[in-house]
Amino acid sequence: MTDKPIEFPIHEAQRRRNRLGKKAVACLASERWIKFPKKSAGSLEAGEVIKLSIMTGSDAAGSRKVCDLVVTREALLSALEAVKNPDME
């Protein structure tokens, strides 16, 4: 057995996800990404409030904020559930 690590190819999208971390969702078509907070802003009648930052740049170190979106966790999950996967139909 050798002590040399075995290298294997990984896709650029995976490298970018690794750089941005678990609290980010990268756009597949541009250098933009959504940055999620460490914790929510609390709850209102509409639901649990989350402030999402829309970022641009190649990674967390060389990035800038484009804008913020203030949404509820419930609205975000509901919208994701409404998106149909044509491969699963």
N, C-alpha and C. Protein backbone atom coordinates (compact mmCIF):
# COMPACT_ATOMS: atom_id res chain seq x y z
N MET A 1 0.84 -1.18 0.00
CA MET A 1 0.00 0.00 0.00
C MET A 1 0.88 1.24 0.00
N THR A 2 0.44 2.27 -0.66
CA THR A 2 1.21 3.50 -0.79
C THR A 2 0.63 4.61 0.07
N ASP A 3 1.47 5.53 0.50
CA ASP A 3 1.02 6.68 1.29
C ASP A 3 0.57 7.83 0.41
N LYS A 4 0.78 7.70 -0.88
CA LYS A 4 0.40 8.75 -1.82
C LYS A 4 -1.11 8.75 -2.01
N PRO A 5 -1.77 9.91 -1.82
CA PRO A 5 -3.24 9.94 -2.02
C PRO A 5 -3.60 9.71 -3.48
N ILE A 6 -4.71 9.07 -3.69
CA ILE A 6 -5.22 8.82 -5.03
C ILE A 6 -6.05 10.03 -5.44
N GLU A 7 -5.68 10.64 -6.56
CA GLU A 7 -6.42 11.79 -7.06
C GLU A 7 -7.54 11.30 -7.97
N PHE A 8 -8.65 11.96 -7.92
CA PHE A 8 -9.76 11.63 -8.79
C PHE A 8 -10.36 12.93 -9.30
N PRO A 9 -10.91 12.91 -10.50
CA PRO A 9 -11.45 14.16 -11.05
C PRO A 9 -12.73 14.57 -10.32
N ILE A 10 -12.85 15.87 -10.06
CA ILE A 10 -14.10 16.39 -9.54
C ILE A 10 -14.52 17.55 -10.44
N HIS A 11 -15.80 17.74 -10.55
CA HIS A 11 -16.34 18.76 -11.43
C HIS A 11 -16.14 20.15 -10.84
N GLU A 12 -16.09 21.14 -11.72
CA GLU A 12 -15.94 22.54 -11.28
C GLU A 12 -17.08 22.95 -10.36
N ALA A 13 -18.29 22.48 -10.63
CA ALA A 13 -19.44 22.82 -9.77
C ALA A 13 -19.21 22.31 -8.35
N GLN A 14 -18.64 21.12 -8.21
CA GLN A 14 -18.35 20.57 -6.89
C GLN A 14 -17.25 21.37 -6.19
N ARG A 15 -16.24 21.77 -6.93
CA ARG A 15 -15.17 22.60 -6.35
C ARG A 15 -15.74 23.90 -5.81
N ARG A 16 -16.63 24.50 -6.59
CA ARG A 16 -17.23 25.78 -6.17
C ARG A 16 -18.09 25.59 -4.93
N ARG A 17 -18.89 24.52 -4.88
CA ARG A 17 -19.68 24.23 -3.68
C ARG A 17 -18.79 24.04 -2.47
N ASN A 18 -17.68 23.37 -2.66
CA ASN A 18 -16.74 23.17 -1.55
C ASN A 18 -16.16 24.49 -1.06
N ARG A 19 -15.84 25.40 -1.99
CA ARG A 19 -15.28 26.71 -1.61
C ARG A 19 -16.30 27.57 -0.87
N LEU A 20 -17.55 27.56 -1.35
CA LEU A 20 -18.57 28.43 -0.77
C LEU A 20 -19.09 27.92 0.57
N GLY A 21 -19.12 26.63 0.77
CA GLY A 21 -19.57 26.07 2.04
C GLY A 21 -21.01 25.61 2.01
N LYS A 22 -21.46 25.07 3.13
CA LYS A 22 -22.78 24.46 3.22
C LYS A 22 -23.93 25.46 3.24
N LYS A 23 -23.66 26.72 3.60
CA LYS A 23 -24.73 27.71 3.69
C LYS A 23 -24.79 28.60 2.45
N ALA A 24 -24.52 28.00 1.28
CA ALA A 24 -24.56 28.73 0.03
C ALA A 24 -25.08 27.84 -1.08
N VAL A 25 -25.76 28.47 -2.06
CA VAL A 25 -26.23 27.77 -3.25
C VAL A 25 -25.72 28.56 -4.45
N ALA A 26 -24.87 27.92 -5.25
CA ALA A 26 -24.24 28.58 -6.40
C ALA A 26 -25.11 28.47 -7.64
N CYS A 27 -25.09 29.51 -8.45
CA CYS A 27 -25.73 29.50 -9.75
C CYS A 27 -24.87 28.68 -10.69
N LEU A 28 -25.48 27.85 -11.52
CA LEU A 28 -24.74 27.03 -12.48
C LEU A 28 -24.35 27.80 -13.74
N ALA A 29 -24.98 28.98 -13.96
CA ALA A 29 -24.76 29.71 -15.20
C ALA A 29 -23.99 31.01 -15.03
N SER A 30 -23.74 31.45 -13.79
CA SER A 30 -23.04 32.71 -13.57
C SER A 30 -22.21 32.62 -12.29
N GLU A 31 -21.56 33.70 -11.95
CA GLU A 31 -20.75 33.76 -10.73
C GLU A 31 -21.57 34.20 -9.52
N ARG A 32 -22.88 34.15 -9.61
CA ARG A 32 -23.73 34.56 -8.48
C ARG A 32 -24.06 33.37 -7.60
N TRP A 33 -24.39 33.67 -6.33
CA TRP A 33 -24.74 32.62 -5.40
C TRP A 33 -25.58 33.20 -4.27
N ILE A 34 -26.33 32.34 -3.62
CA ILE A 34 -27.18 32.74 -2.48
C ILE A 34 -26.45 32.36 -1.20
N LYS A 35 -26.30 33.33 -0.33
CA LYS A 35 -25.65 33.10 0.96
C LYS A 35 -26.73 33.05 2.04
N PHE A 36 -26.77 31.96 2.78
CA PHE A 36 -27.74 31.78 3.85
C PHE A 36 -27.12 32.21 5.18
N PRO A 37 -27.92 32.73 6.09
CA PRO A 37 -27.38 33.17 7.39
C PRO A 37 -27.10 31.98 8.31
N LYS A 38 -26.37 32.25 9.40
CA LYS A 38 -26.11 31.20 10.39
C LYS A 38 -27.39 30.82 11.13
N LYS A 39 -28.26 31.81 11.35
CA LYS A 39 -29.56 31.51 11.96
C LYS A 39 -30.61 32.48 11.43
N SER A 40 -31.87 32.12 11.62
CA SER A 40 -32.96 32.94 11.09
C SER A 40 -33.12 34.21 11.92
N ALA A 41 -33.93 35.11 11.40
CA ALA A 41 -34.18 36.39 12.06
C ALA A 41 -35.35 36.31 13.03
N GLY A 42 -35.88 35.13 13.28
CA GLY A 42 -37.02 34.99 14.19
C GLY A 42 -38.29 34.66 13.44
N SER A 43 -39.39 34.69 14.15
CA SER A 43 -40.68 34.32 13.56
C SER A 43 -41.65 35.48 13.58
N LEU A 44 -42.48 35.53 12.56
CA LEU A 44 -43.60 36.47 12.46
C LEU A 44 -44.85 35.65 12.20
N GLU A 45 -45.97 36.34 12.02
CA GLU A 45 -47.22 35.63 11.69
C GLU A 45 -47.07 34.83 10.40
N ALA A 46 -46.31 35.37 9.45
CA ALA A 46 -46.15 34.72 8.14
C ALA A 46 -45.24 33.50 8.20
N GLY A 47 -44.41 33.39 9.24
CA GLY A 47 -43.50 32.25 9.37
C GLY A 47 -42.13 32.65 9.85
N GLU A 48 -41.19 31.74 9.74
CA GLU A 48 -39.81 31.98 10.19
C GLU A 48 -39.07 32.81 9.14
N VAL A 49 -38.58 33.97 9.53
CA VAL A 49 -37.96 34.92 8.62
C VAL A 49 -36.49 34.58 8.39
N ILE A 50 -36.09 34.54 7.11
CA ILE A 50 -34.70 34.29 6.75
C ILE A 50 -34.25 35.37 5.77
N LYS A 51 -33.11 35.98 6.08
CA LYS A 51 -32.54 37.00 5.20
C LYS A 51 -31.48 36.33 4.33
N LEU A 52 -31.75 36.29 3.01
CA LEU A 52 -30.83 35.69 2.05
C LEU A 52 -30.05 36.80 1.36
N SER A 53 -28.76 36.63 1.23
CA SER A 53 -27.92 37.59 0.52
C SER A 53 -27.60 37.03 -0.86
N ILE A 54 -27.87 37.82 -1.89
CA ILE A 54 -27.52 37.45 -3.26
C ILE A 54 -26.13 38.03 -3.50
N MET A 55 -25.18 37.14 -3.77
CA MET A 55 -23.78 37.52 -3.88
C MET A 55 -23.29 37.33 -5.31
N THR A 56 -22.22 38.03 -5.66
CA THR A 56 -21.56 37.83 -6.94
C THR A 56 -20.06 37.79 -6.69
N GLY A 57 -19.37 37.06 -7.52
CA GLY A 57 -17.93 36.89 -7.36
C GLY A 57 -17.57 35.42 -7.40
N SER A 58 -16.30 35.15 -7.55
CA SER A 58 -15.86 33.77 -7.75
C SER A 58 -15.90 32.93 -6.48
N ASP A 59 -15.75 33.54 -5.33
CA ASP A 59 -15.79 32.77 -4.09
C ASP A 59 -16.06 33.70 -2.91
N ALA A 60 -16.08 33.14 -1.72
CA ALA A 60 -16.41 33.92 -0.53
C ALA A 60 -15.41 35.05 -0.28
N ALA A 61 -14.14 34.89 -0.64
CA ALA A 61 -13.13 35.91 -0.36
C ALA A 61 -13.22 37.10 -1.33
N GLY A 62 -13.51 36.84 -2.60
CA GLY A 62 -13.55 37.91 -3.60
C GLY A 62 -14.95 38.18 -4.07
N SER A 63 -15.89 38.34 -3.16
CA SER A 63 -17.29 38.50 -3.56
C SER A 63 -17.85 39.81 -3.03
N ARG A 64 -19.03 40.17 -3.56
CA ARG A 64 -19.74 41.35 -3.05
C ARG A 64 -21.24 41.07 -3.07
N LYS A 65 -21.96 41.75 -2.20
CA LYS A 65 -23.41 41.56 -2.10
C LYS A 65 -24.11 42.38 -3.17
N VAL A 66 -25.05 41.74 -3.88
CA VAL A 66 -25.87 42.41 -4.88
C VAL A 66 -27.11 42.99 -4.19
N CYS A 67 -27.78 42.16 -3.39
CA CYS A 67 -28.97 42.59 -2.67
C CYS A 67 -29.33 41.55 -1.61
N ASP A 68 -30.31 41.87 -0.80
CA ASP A 68 -30.84 40.93 0.18
C ASP A 68 -32.29 40.61 -0.17
N LEU A 69 -32.69 39.38 0.13
CA LEU A 69 -34.09 38.98 0.03
C LEU A 69 -34.51 38.54 1.43
N VAL A 70 -35.62 39.04 1.90
CA VAL A 70 -36.16 38.61 3.20
C VAL A 70 -37.39 37.77 2.90
N VAL A 71 -37.29 36.48 3.20
CA VAL A 71 -38.36 35.52 2.89
C VAL A 71 -38.65 34.69 4.12
N THR A 72 -39.72 33.91 4.05
CA THR A 72 -39.97 32.96 5.14
C THR A 72 -39.50 31.58 4.71
N ARG A 73 -39.09 30.82 5.67
CA ARG A 73 -38.67 29.43 5.41
C ARG A 73 -39.82 28.67 4.74
N GLU A 74 -41.03 28.89 5.22
CA GLU A 74 -42.20 28.18 4.71
C GLU A 74 -42.45 28.52 3.24
N ALA A 75 -42.32 29.80 2.86
CA ALA A 75 -42.54 30.20 1.47
C ALA A 75 -41.46 29.61 0.56
N LEU A 76 -40.23 29.59 1.04
CA LEU A 76 -39.12 29.04 0.26
C LEU A 76 -39.31 27.54 0.03
N LEU A 77 -39.65 26.81 1.08
CA LEU A 77 -39.89 25.37 0.94
C LEU A 77 -41.09 25.07 0.05
N SER A 78 -42.14 25.88 0.17
CA SER A 78 -43.33 25.70 -0.66
C SER A 78 -43.00 25.91 -2.14
N ALA A 79 -42.20 26.93 -2.44
CA ALA A 79 -41.81 27.20 -3.82
C ALA A 79 -40.97 26.06 -4.38
N LEU A 80 -40.05 25.53 -3.58
CA LEU A 80 -39.23 24.40 -4.03
C LEU A 80 -40.07 23.16 -4.28
N GLU A 81 -41.05 22.92 -3.43
CA GLU A 81 -41.93 21.76 -3.63
C GLU A 81 -42.75 21.89 -4.90
N ALA A 82 -43.06 23.12 -5.31
CA ALA A 82 -43.89 23.34 -6.50
C ALA A 82 -43.12 23.14 -7.81
N VAL A 83 -41.80 23.13 -7.75
CA VAL A 83 -40.99 22.93 -8.95
C VAL A 83 -40.97 21.45 -9.29
N LYS A 84 -41.47 21.11 -10.45
CA LYS A 84 -41.58 19.71 -10.87
C LYS A 84 -40.31 19.26 -11.58
N ASN A 85 -39.91 18.03 -11.36
CA ASN A 85 -38.77 17.42 -12.04
C ASN A 85 -39.33 16.58 -13.19
N PRO A 86 -39.06 16.96 -14.44
CA PRO A 86 -39.61 16.20 -15.56
C PRO A 86 -39.08 14.78 -15.64
N ASP A 87 -37.93 14.50 -15.04
CA ASP A 87 -37.37 13.15 -15.06
C ASP A 87 -38.11 12.22 -14.10
N MET A 88 -38.85 12.78 -13.16
CA MET A 88 -39.54 11.98 -12.16
C MET A 88 -41.02 11.76 -12.51
N GLU A 89 -41.46 12.28 -13.63
CA GLU A 89 -42.88 12.14 -14.01
C GLU A 89 -43.08 10.96 -14.92
